[in-house]
Amino acid sequence: MKKDKPSFFEDVYEVVKLIPQGRVTSYGAIANYLGTKGSARMVGWAMNAAHGLSDVPAHRVLNRQGLLTGKNHFSTPTLMQELLEAEGVVVENDQVVDFDRVFWDPGRELTF
């Protein structure tokens, strides 16, 4: 029996699962890695649907400026920040401090 190709959302989740603790990435970086440059919004939709999946660390995915744009999709408005801070990521005014230092680019970090 032929196995179906994973959906775009499943592909996104597989990448997100690889983001190391204490690091963050962006919707666009994931889209670029998956070969769908320009589909950052679709990655956002995937992340919005991921909050019931305990093995997908959705809190590590931010916008390209390091803003916690997905925070309203968590069970409380502060949970995304709390999860990041528990991993040592500093957040001020809904933005990751030293975003460039903690940024994880799957295009550079992964060699699939």
C-alpha atoms as a PDB file:
ATOM      1  CA  MET A   1       0.000   0.000   0.000  1.00  0.00           C
ATOM      2  CA  LYS A   2       1.356   3.408  -0.995  1.00  0.00           C
ATOM      3  CA  LYS A   3       1.857   5.910   1.833  1.00  0.00           C
ATOM      4  CA  ASP A   4       0.398   9.355   1.200  1.00  0.00           C
ATOM      5  CA  LYS A   5       2.748  12.327   1.156  1.00  0.00           C
ATOM      6  CA  PRO A   6       2.591  14.284   4.431  1.00  0.00           C
ATOM      7  CA  SER A   7       0.437  17.388   4.371  1.00  0.00           C
ATOM      8  CA  PHE A   8       1.985  20.854   4.447  1.00  0.00           C
ATOM      9  CA  PHE A   9       0.914  21.217   8.092  1.00  0.00           C
ATOM     10  CA  GLU A  10       2.615  17.916   8.975  1.00  0.00           C
ATOM     11  CA  ASP A  11       5.781  19.068   7.209  1.00  0.00           C
ATOM     12  CA  VAL A  12       5.696  22.306   9.237  1.00  0.00           C
ATOM     13  CA  TYR A  13       5.264  20.365  12.482  1.00  0.00           C
ATOM     14  CA  GLU A  14       8.230  18.115  11.693  1.00  0.00           C
ATOM     15  CA  VAL A  15      10.465  21.175  11.262  1.00  0.00           C
ATOM     16  CA  VAL A  16       9.129  22.851  14.424  1.00  0.00           C
ATOM     17  CA  LYS A  17       9.861  19.713  16.446  1.00  0.00           C
ATOM     18  CA  LEU A  18      13.543  20.144  15.522  1.00  0.00           C
ATOM     19  CA  ILE A  19      13.911  23.689  16.911  1.00  0.00           C
ATOM     20  CA  PRO A  20      16.234  23.362  19.908  1.00  0.00           C
ATOM     21  CA  GLN A  21      15.184  24.597  23.329  1.00  0.00           C
ATOM     22  CA  GLY A  22      16.219  28.189  23.876  1.00  0.00           C
ATOM     23  CA  ARG A  23      16.092  28.960  20.143  1.00  0.00           C
ATOM     24  CA  VAL A  24      13.368  30.469  17.949  1.00  0.00           C
ATOM     25  CA  THR A  25      12.579  30.674  14.255  1.00  0.00           C
ATOM     26  CA  SER A  26      10.153  32.512  12.014  1.00  0.00           C
ATOM     27  CA  TYR A  27       7.177  31.518   9.899  1.00  0.00           C
ATOM     28  CA  GLY A  28       9.077  32.643   6.801  1.00  0.00           C
ATOM     29  CA  ALA A  29      12.222  30.641   7.627  1.00  0.00           C
ATOM     30  CA  ILE A  30      10.126  27.490   7.878  1.00  0.00           C
ATOM     31  CA  ALA A  31       8.340  28.292   4.600  1.00  0.00           C
ATOM     32  CA  ASN A  32      11.683  28.886   2.862  1.00  0.00           C
ATOM     33  CA  TYR A  33      13.077  25.611   4.194  1.00  0.00           C
ATOM     34  CA  LEU A  34      10.050  23.716   2.914  1.00  0.00           C
ATOM     35  CA  GLY A  35      10.515  25.221  -0.555  1.00  0.00           C
ATOM     36  CA  THR A  36       7.407  27.370  -0.330  1.00  0.00           C
ATOM     37  CA  LYS A  37       8.934  30.828  -0.031  1.00  0.00           C
ATOM     38  CA  GLY A  38       6.194  33.403   0.372  1.00  0.00           C
ATOM     39  CA  SER A  39       3.883  31.075   2.285  1.00  0.00           C
ATOM     40  CA  ALA A  40       4.735  32.296   5.800  1.00  0.00           C
ATOM     41  CA  ARG A  41       1.020  32.907   6.379  1.00  0.00           C
ATOM     42  CA  MET A  42       0.289  29.228   5.700  1.00  0.00           C
ATOM     43  CA  VAL A  43       2.939  28.297   8.261  1.00  0.00           C
ATOM     44  CA  GLY A  44       1.095  30.608  10.668  1.00  0.00           C
ATOM     45  CA  TRP A  45      -2.144  28.767  10.015  1.00  0.00           C
ATOM     46  CA  ALA A  46      -0.380  25.483  10.691  1.00  0.00           C
ATOM     47  CA  MET A  47       0.946  26.860  13.963  1.00  0.00           C
ATOM     48  CA  ASN A  48      -2.520  28.090  14.972  1.00  0.00           C
ATOM     49  CA  ALA A  49      -3.771  24.534  14.478  1.00  0.00           C
ATOM     50  CA  ALA A  50      -0.858  23.006  16.439  1.00  0.00           C
ATOM     51  CA  HIS A  51      -1.831  24.046  19.936  1.00  0.00           C
ATOM     52  CA  GLY A  52      -3.476  20.717  20.697  1.00  0.00           C
ATOM     53  CA  LEU A  53      -0.289  18.878  19.740  1.00  0.00           C
ATOM     54  CA  SER A  54       1.876  18.555  22.836  1.00  0.00           C
ATOM     55  CA  ASP A  55       4.954  17.491  20.839  1.00  0.00           C
ATOM     56  CA  VAL A  56       4.998  20.641  18.648  1.00  0.00           C
ATOM     57  CA  PRO A  57       6.748  23.550  20.435  1.00  0.00           C
ATOM     58  CA  ALA A  58       4.666  26.269  18.762  1.00  0.00           C
ATOM     59  CA  HIS A  59       5.970  28.902  21.188  1.00  0.00           C
ATOM     60  CA  ARG A  60       9.321  28.855  19.347  1.00  0.00           C
ATOM     61  CA  VAL A  61       7.845  30.207  16.089  1.00  0.00           C
ATOM     62  CA  LEU A  62       7.665  34.008  15.770  1.00  0.00           C
ATOM     63  CA  ASN A  63       7.334  36.613  13.079  1.00  0.00           C
ATOM     64  CA  ARG A  64      10.412  37.823  11.173  1.00  0.00           C
ATOM     65  CA  GLN A  65      11.038  40.604  13.703  1.00  0.00           C
ATOM     66  CA  GLY A  66      10.928  38.334  16.738  1.00  0.00           C
ATOM     67  CA  LEU A  67       7.452  39.407  17.844  1.00  0.00           C
ATOM     68  CA  LEU A  68       5.194  36.977  19.688  1.00  0.00           C
ATOM     69  CA  THR A  69       2.419  37.383  17.127  1.00  0.00           C
ATOM     70  CA  GLY A  70       0.927  33.974  17.930  1.00  0.00           C
ATOM     71  CA  LYS A  71       0.495  34.604  21.658  1.00  0.00           C
ATOM     72  CA  ASN A  72      -3.289  34.971  21.424  1.00  0.00           C
ATOM     73  CA  HIS A  73      -3.586  31.374  20.226  1.00  0.00           C
ATOM     74  CA  PHE A  74      -2.237  30.006  23.516  1.00  0.00           C
ATOM     75  CA  SER A  75      -4.472  29.163  26.474  1.00  0.00           C
ATOM     76  CA  THR A  76      -3.470  32.410  28.215  1.00  0.00           C
ATOM     77  CA  PRO A  77      -2.064  35.628  26.709  1.00  0.00           C
ATOM     78  CA  THR A  78       1.214  35.209  28.616  1.00  0.00           C
ATOM     79  CA  LEU A  79       1.829  31.484  28.111  1.00  0.00           C
ATOM     80  CA  MET A  80       3.941  31.855  24.953  1.00  0.00           C
ATOM     81  CA  GLN A  81       6.289  34.280  26.736  1.00  0.00           C
ATOM     82  CA  GLU A  82       6.390  32.095  29.848  1.00  0.00           C
ATOM     83  CA  LEU A  83       7.379  29.033  27.809  1.00  0.00           C
ATOM     84  CA  LEU A  84      10.133  30.951  26.022  1.00  0.00           C
ATOM     85  CA  GLU A  85      11.463  32.442  29.264  1.00  0.00           C
ATOM     86  CA  ALA A  86      11.520  28.974  30.859  1.00  0.00           C
ATOM     87  CA  GLU A  87      13.974  28.056  28.074  1.00  0.00           C
ATOM     88  CA  GLY A  88      16.155  31.110  28.727  1.00  0.00           C
ATOM     89  CA  VAL A  89      14.814  33.311  25.913  1.00  0.00           C
ATOM     90  CA  VAL A  90      14.434  36.925  27.066  1.00  0.00           C
ATOM     91  CA  VAL A  91      11.205  38.648  26.009  1.00  0.00           C
ATOM     92  CA  GLU A  92      10.363  42.322  26.489  1.00  0.00           C
ATOM     93  CA  ASN A  93       7.188  43.998  25.212  1.00  0.00           C
ATOM     94  CA  ASP A  94       6.180  40.861  23.277  1.00  0.00           C
ATOM     95  CA  GLN A  95       9.506  40.767  21.409  1.00  0.00           C
ATOM     96  CA  VAL A  96      12.492  38.454  21.777  1.00  0.00           C
ATOM     97  CA  VAL A  97      15.611  40.295  22.937  1.00  0.00           C
ATOM     98  CA  ASP A  98      18.717  39.398  20.900  1.00  0.00           C
ATOM     99  CA  PHE A  99      16.508  37.793  18.254  1.00  0.00           C
ATOM    100  CA  ASP A 100      19.446  37.373  15.855  1.00  0.00           C
ATOM    101  CA  ARG A 101      21.452  35.517  18.509  1.00  0.00           C
ATOM    102  CA  VAL A 102      18.721  32.962  19.318  1.00  0.00           C
ATOM    103  CA  PHE A 103      17.368  32.692  15.757  1.00  0.00           C
ATOM    104  CA  TRP A 104      17.456  29.157  14.346  1.00  0.00           C
ATOM    105  CA  ASP A 105      17.352  28.944  10.549  1.00  0.00           C
ATOM    106  CA  PRO A 106      16.323  25.468   9.388  1.00  0.00           C
ATOM    107  CA  GLY A 107      17.845  26.192   5.978  1.00  0.00           C
ATOM    108  CA  ARG A 108      21.280  26.455   7.589  1.00  0.00           C
ATOM    109  CA  GLU A 109      20.847  24.087  10.537  1.00  0.00           C
ATOM    110  CA  LEU A 110      19.217  21.124   8.784  1.00  0.00           C
ATOM    111  CA  THR A 111      20.757  19.121   5.976  1.00  0.00           C
ATOM    112  CA  PHE A 112      17.894  17.013   4.636  1.00  0.00           C
END
